[in-house]
Amino acid sequence: MGSSQILWVDLRLQRKQPSLYHHLTKKWSVYRTCESGKIINKIQKIAPVLLCFEYDYPDRHSLSILQKTLQLLPSTPIIMLTEQHSEALAVWALRNRVWDYLVKPLSHQELLMSAESSLSLSRTGHAGRQNSQVPNPIPAELRFNIQQRKMTLPAQSFVEKHCHEKIAEKDVAQLCGMNTSTFSRAFKKEHGITFRDYLINYRIHRAQELLQNPNITVKDIAYTVGFHDPSYFTRMFRRIVGISPSRYHDKHLKQQPEESSISS
C-alpha cells in the first residue's frame, strides 16, 4: 500500500482552513493540487489509484471539472468531499458514478474507511463507471452565484483571525451588515451549518494541526483555539474527530506522517 499514490484535488474557494488530505498520508503518498488546469498533467505523471475532490461550495465550473475527470477515468475510484450539501448535489454525484460522496465535517476514520473501501472495490474488479455520451447535467440549483456566497465572507475572515478569542454571533453579524437573525439565516443558507457549528468545526480543525506539534500540551492547544474549558474541548474534539485530543496527540508523536504534496 505504501507505493500507492493518491491525487487530492483541492477546489475549495476558501483554503485558509486546513484541508483533510493529511489524514491519508499515513498510508499513502498523497499529491495535492489546487490548480484545476493541471489535473490531467498530474494524472499522467503519477497514475493515481484514487482521486479525492474536495469542495467547500461547489459551483458549475468546479463540478464540470469533476464530471470530466469521471468520464476520463471510468475505472479509477473518485471520492467527492463537500461542505455545501443538498439532496440535488448528492443525486448528481451518484448519477455521475462518484464512488463515494462525503459531507464535511467528517472524522478522519470516515475518510480512511472511504478510501480503503474504494480501493478495495477497485482491486477486486468492481465495475467502474461507463462512459456516457450525454453527461448528467448540473442541476440549476447547484449553479451557485459566487457573489451570493460573499455575504458572510467577513464572518469567515474574522473567525480565521480571531478564533482564539471569544466570538459572539451578534458581533460577527454586524461585520456583515446584518442583524443576528438575518445573519443566522444567511450563514446557514451559504454554509449548510449554523455559525456556532462552523466556529466549533474551525477551532477543532485548527487544533488538529497544532496537535501534531510534540512541544505543546493539549490544554494549551485548547486555549489557543478558543476553548476556555478543556473538558468541553475534549468532548467537541471527540465528537468531530472520533478520538480524544490526547490520543490524537499521542498518535502523532509515535508516527509522524510522511507527506509528499504538490500545491499551487
Protein backbone atom coordinates (compact mmCIF):
# COMPACT_ATOMS: atom_id res chain seq x y z
CA MET A 1 0.00 0.00 0.00
CA GLY A 2 2.96 2.23 0.52
CA SER A 3 3.60 2.60 -3.23
CA SER A 4 0.00 3.58 -3.97
CA GLN A 5 -0.44 7.21 -4.89
CA ILE A 6 -3.49 9.38 -4.36
CA LEU A 7 -4.26 12.65 -6.13
CA TRP A 8 -6.06 15.17 -3.93
CA VAL A 9 -7.75 17.94 -5.92
CA ASP A 10 -8.49 20.94 -3.72
CA LEU A 11 -11.22 23.02 -5.41
CA ARG A 12 -12.31 24.97 -2.33
CA LEU A 13 -12.99 28.66 -2.68
CA GLN A 14 -11.65 29.34 0.83
CA ARG A 15 -8.38 27.50 1.56
CA LYS A 16 -7.37 29.11 4.84
CA GLN A 17 -8.98 26.23 6.70
CA PRO A 18 -6.88 23.05 6.81
CA SER A 19 -7.50 20.52 4.08
CA LEU A 20 -8.34 16.94 5.02
CA TYR A 21 -5.74 15.35 2.74
CA HIS A 22 -3.19 14.87 5.53
CA HIS A 23 -5.42 12.18 7.09
CA LEU A 24 -4.43 9.86 4.22
CA THR A 25 -0.68 10.45 4.30
CA LYS A 26 0.00 7.75 6.89
CA LYS A 27 -0.95 5.00 4.43
CA TRP A 28 -0.43 6.51 1.00
CA SER A 29 1.65 9.06 -0.86
CA VAL A 30 -0.69 11.99 -1.42
CA TYR A 31 -0.15 14.57 -4.16
CA ARG A 32 -2.27 17.68 -3.72
CA THR A 33 -3.07 20.22 -6.38
CA CYS A 34 -5.17 23.37 -6.22
CA GLU A 35 -4.89 24.13 -9.95
CA SER A 36 -7.73 22.67 -11.96
CA GLY A 37 -5.83 23.16 -15.20
CA LYS A 38 -3.07 20.80 -14.08
CA ILE A 39 -5.21 17.82 -13.06
CA ILE A 40 -4.69 15.89 -16.30
CA ASN A 41 -0.95 16.51 -16.14
CA LYS A 42 -0.82 15.21 -12.56
CA ILE A 43 -2.87 12.14 -13.50
CA GLN A 44 -0.49 11.30 -16.33
CA LYS A 45 2.53 11.89 -14.11
CA ILE A 46 1.63 9.85 -11.03
CA ALA A 47 -1.07 7.42 -12.29
CA PRO A 48 -3.12 7.68 -9.07
CA VAL A 49 -5.02 4.70 -7.69
CA LEU A 50 -7.57 7.07 -6.16
CA LEU A 51 -8.67 10.70 -6.61
CA CYS A 52 -10.32 12.90 -3.99
CA PHE A 53 -12.10 16.11 -4.98
CA GLU A 54 -12.50 18.49 -2.03
CA TYR A 55 -15.06 21.33 -2.17
CA ASP A 56 -16.48 23.86 0.21
CA TYR A 57 -19.04 25.48 -2.16
CA PRO A 58 -19.09 23.62 -5.47
CA ASP A 59 -20.19 25.70 -8.44
CA ARG A 60 -20.88 24.90 -12.07
CA HIS A 61 -17.27 25.25 -13.20
CA SER A 62 -15.71 23.16 -10.42
CA LEU A 63 -18.35 20.45 -10.76
CA SER A 64 -17.75 20.26 -14.51
CA ILE A 65 -14.07 19.52 -13.77
CA LEU A 66 -15.09 16.57 -11.62
CA GLN A 67 -17.53 15.39 -14.27
CA LYS A 68 -14.86 15.45 -16.99
CA THR A 69 -12.45 13.54 -14.76
CA LEU A 70 -15.11 10.93 -14.02
CA GLN A 71 -15.57 10.37 -17.75
CA LEU A 72 -11.83 10.30 -18.40
CA LEU A 73 -11.13 7.69 -15.71
CA PRO A 74 -14.14 5.34 -15.66
CA SER A 75 -12.35 2.62 -13.65
CA THR A 76 -10.47 4.81 -11.15
CA PRO A 77 -12.26 5.39 -7.84
CA ILE A 78 -13.08 9.04 -7.16
CA ILE A 79 -14.31 10.40 -3.82
CA MET A 80 -16.13 13.72 -3.53
CA LEU A 81 -15.99 15.74 -0.29
CA THR A 82 -18.14 18.83 0.13
CA GLU A 83 -19.19 21.27 2.82
CA GLN A 84 -22.18 22.66 0.91
CA HIS A 85 -24.65 19.78 0.74
CA SER A 86 -28.06 19.28 -0.77
CA GLU A 87 -30.11 16.35 -1.97
CA ALA A 88 -29.73 17.58 -5.55
CA LEU A 89 -25.94 17.61 -5.26
CA ALA A 90 -25.83 14.11 -3.76
CA VAL A 91 -28.10 12.76 -6.51
CA TRP A 92 -25.97 14.44 -9.18
CA ALA A 93 -22.79 12.90 -7.74
CA LEU A 94 -24.26 9.40 -7.56
CA ARG A 95 -25.71 9.60 -11.05
CA ASN A 96 -22.27 10.52 -12.33
CA ARG A 97 -20.96 7.41 -10.53
CA VAL A 98 -18.81 9.07 -7.88
CA TRP A 99 -17.52 6.15 -5.81
CA ASP A 100 -18.28 7.88 -2.50
CA TYR A 101 -19.90 11.18 -1.51
CA LEU A 102 -18.85 12.63 1.86
CA VAL A 103 -20.21 15.69 3.65
CA LYS A 104 -17.91 17.75 5.86
CA PRO A 105 -17.27 17.93 8.73
CA LEU A 106 -16.27 14.29 8.97
CA SER A 107 -13.81 12.35 11.09
CA HIS A 108 -10.51 11.05 9.75
CA GLN A 109 -11.81 7.50 10.32
CA GLU A 110 -14.68 8.14 7.91
CA LEU A 111 -12.25 9.38 5.27
CA LEU A 112 -9.88 6.45 5.77
CA MET A 113 -12.73 3.95 5.57
CA SER A 114 -13.99 5.54 2.38
CA ALA A 115 -10.54 5.44 0.76
CA GLU A 116 -9.86 1.87 1.83
CA SER A 117 -13.29 0.71 0.70
CA SER A 118 -12.98 2.40 -2.70
CA LEU A 119 -9.52 0.95 -3.28
CA SER A 120 -10.64 -2.50 -2.18
CA LEU A 121 -13.56 -2.48 -4.61
CA SER A 122 -11.27 -1.28 -7.36
CA ARG A 123 -8.69 -4.03 -6.74
CA THR A 124 -11.32 -6.76 -6.72
CA GLY A 125 -12.58 -5.72 -10.14
CA HIS A 126 -15.68 -3.85 -9.04
CA ALA A 127 -17.40 -2.39 -12.07
CA GLY A 128 -16.35 1.17 -12.70
CA ARG A 129 -18.23 3.95 -14.45
CA GLN A 130 -19.29 3.61 -18.03
CA ASN A 131 -18.52 6.48 -20.36
CA SER A 132 -21.71 8.31 -21.13
CA GLN A 133 -22.38 10.14 -24.37
CA VAL A 134 -24.70 12.53 -22.53
CA PRO A 135 -23.33 13.63 -19.13
CA ASN A 136 -25.83 14.21 -16.35
CA PRO A 137 -26.48 17.98 -16.37
CA ILE A 138 -25.64 20.01 -13.30
CA PRO A 139 -28.97 20.93 -11.65
CA ALA A 140 -29.95 24.58 -11.82
CA GLU A 141 -29.94 24.89 -8.02
CA LEU A 142 -26.26 23.89 -7.97
CA ARG A 143 -25.17 26.68 -10.31
CA PHE A 144 -24.32 28.85 -7.35
CA ASN A 145 -23.67 32.52 -7.85
CA ILE A 146 -20.27 33.30 -6.32
CA GLN A 147 -21.40 36.83 -5.39
CA GLN A 148 -24.28 35.43 -3.35
CA ARG A 149 -21.84 33.42 -1.22
CA LYS A 150 -19.86 36.52 -0.27
CA MET A 151 -22.48 37.85 2.12
CA THR A 152 -20.90 36.09 5.10
CA LEU A 153 -17.26 36.10 3.98
CA PRO A 154 -16.42 38.81 6.57
CA ALA A 155 -17.54 36.34 9.23
CA GLN A 156 -15.23 33.65 7.85
CA SER A 157 -12.28 36.02 7.76
CA PHE A 158 -12.97 37.14 11.32
CA VAL A 159 -13.07 33.55 12.59
CA GLU A 160 -9.79 32.73 10.86
CA LYS A 161 -8.03 35.67 12.51
CA HIS A 162 -9.70 35.62 15.94
CA CYS A 163 -10.66 32.01 16.62
CA HIS A 164 -8.66 32.13 19.87
CA GLU A 165 -10.90 34.92 21.19
CA LYS A 166 -14.45 34.89 22.48
CA ILE A 167 -16.70 35.39 19.44
CA ALA A 168 -20.32 36.49 19.74
CA GLU A 169 -22.60 35.88 16.78
CA LYS A 170 -24.19 39.32 17.10
CA ASP A 171 -20.78 40.98 16.69
CA VAL A 172 -19.97 38.92 13.61
CA ALA A 173 -23.40 39.69 12.19
CA GLN A 174 -22.62 43.41 12.47
CA LEU A 175 -19.44 42.88 10.46
CA CYS A 176 -21.63 41.52 7.67
CA GLY A 177 -24.06 44.41 7.96
CA MET A 178 -26.94 42.28 9.29
CA ASN A 179 -28.88 41.75 12.46
CA THR A 180 -28.39 38.43 14.23
CA SER A 181 -31.46 36.64 12.88
CA THR A 182 -30.79 37.68 9.26
CA PHE A 183 -27.13 36.69 9.58
CA SER A 184 -28.07 33.33 11.08
CA ARG A 185 -30.35 32.51 8.15
CA ALA A 186 -27.83 33.75 5.56
CA PHE A 187 -24.96 31.81 7.10
CA LYS A 188 -26.97 28.58 7.27
CA LYS A 189 -28.03 29.03 3.65
CA GLU A 190 -24.49 29.66 2.41
CA HIS A 191 -22.64 27.09 4.51
CA GLY A 192 -25.20 24.41 5.25
CA ILE A 193 -24.48 24.63 9.00
CA THR A 194 -25.05 27.17 11.75
CA PHE A 195 -22.42 29.77 12.60
CA ARG A 196 -21.86 28.17 16.01
CA ASP A 197 -21.17 24.76 14.42
CA TYR A 198 -18.91 26.40 11.84
CA LEU A 199 -16.92 28.10 14.59
CA ILE A 200 -16.52 24.88 16.58
CA ASN A 201 -15.50 22.92 13.49
CA TYR A 202 -12.93 25.53 12.55
CA ARG A 203 -11.44 25.52 16.03
CA ILE A 204 -11.26 21.72 16.10
CA HIS A 205 -9.59 21.56 12.66
CA ARG A 206 -7.09 24.15 13.81
CA ALA A 207 -6.47 22.09 16.96
CA GLN A 208 -5.75 19.04 14.80
CA GLU A 209 -2.93 20.92 13.13
CA LEU A 210 -1.48 22.10 16.44
CA LEU A 211 -1.72 18.64 18.00
CA GLN A 212 0.92 17.44 15.55
CA ASN A 213 3.44 19.62 17.40
CA PRO A 214 5.15 17.49 20.10
CA ASN A 215 6.16 20.57 22.12
CA ILE A 216 2.70 21.84 23.03
CA THR A 217 0.20 20.39 25.52
CA VAL A 218 -3.42 19.55 24.84
CA LYS A 219 -4.56 22.09 27.43
CA ASP A 220 -2.50 24.87 25.82
CA ILE A 221 -3.95 23.98 22.42
CA ALA A 222 -7.49 24.17 23.80
CA TYR A 223 -6.91 27.76 24.92
CA THR A 224 -5.03 28.63 21.73
CA VAL A 225 -8.03 27.77 19.54
CA GLY A 226 -10.59 29.47 21.77
CA PHE A 227 -11.81 26.77 24.18
CA HIS A 228 -11.54 28.02 27.76
CA ASP A 229 -12.97 24.79 29.16
CA PRO A 230 -10.60 21.87 28.41
CA SER A 231 -13.28 19.27 29.19
CA TYR A 232 -15.66 20.89 26.67
CA PHE A 233 -12.83 20.99 24.14
CA THR A 234 -12.28 17.25 24.66
CA ARG A 235 -15.98 16.49 24.16
CA MET A 236 -16.20 18.53 20.96
CA PHE A 237 -12.94 17.10 19.60
CA ARG A 238 -14.09 13.52 20.22
CA ARG A 239 -17.47 14.23 18.63
CA ILE A 240 -15.95 15.64 15.44
CA VAL A 241 -12.69 13.70 15.07
CA GLY A 242 -13.72 10.43 16.68
CA ILE A 243 -10.96 10.18 19.31
CA SER A 244 -9.81 12.31 22.23
CA PRO A 245 -7.27 15.11 21.61
CA SER A 246 -4.79 13.36 23.94
CA ARG A 247 -4.95 10.17 21.90
CA TYR A 248 -4.70 12.13 18.67
CA HIS A 249 -1.64 13.92 20.04
CA ASP A 250 0.00 10.65 21.15
CA LYS A 251 -0.58 9.01 17.77
CA HIS A 252 1.23 11.83 16.01
CA LEU A 253 4.11 11.66 18.46
CA LYS A 254 4.60 7.95 17.71
CA GLN A 255 4.11 8.14 13.96
CA GLN A 256 4.84 11.32 12.04
CA PRO A 257 3.24 11.18 8.56
CA GLU A 258 5.45 11.28 5.52
CA GLU A 259 3.88 13.82 3.22
CA SER A 260 4.53 14.30 -0.45
CA SER A 261 2.35 17.03 -1.83
CA ILE A 262 2.09 19.30 -4.80
CA SER A 263 0.21 22.51 -4.14
CA SER A 264 -0.36 25.61 -6.10
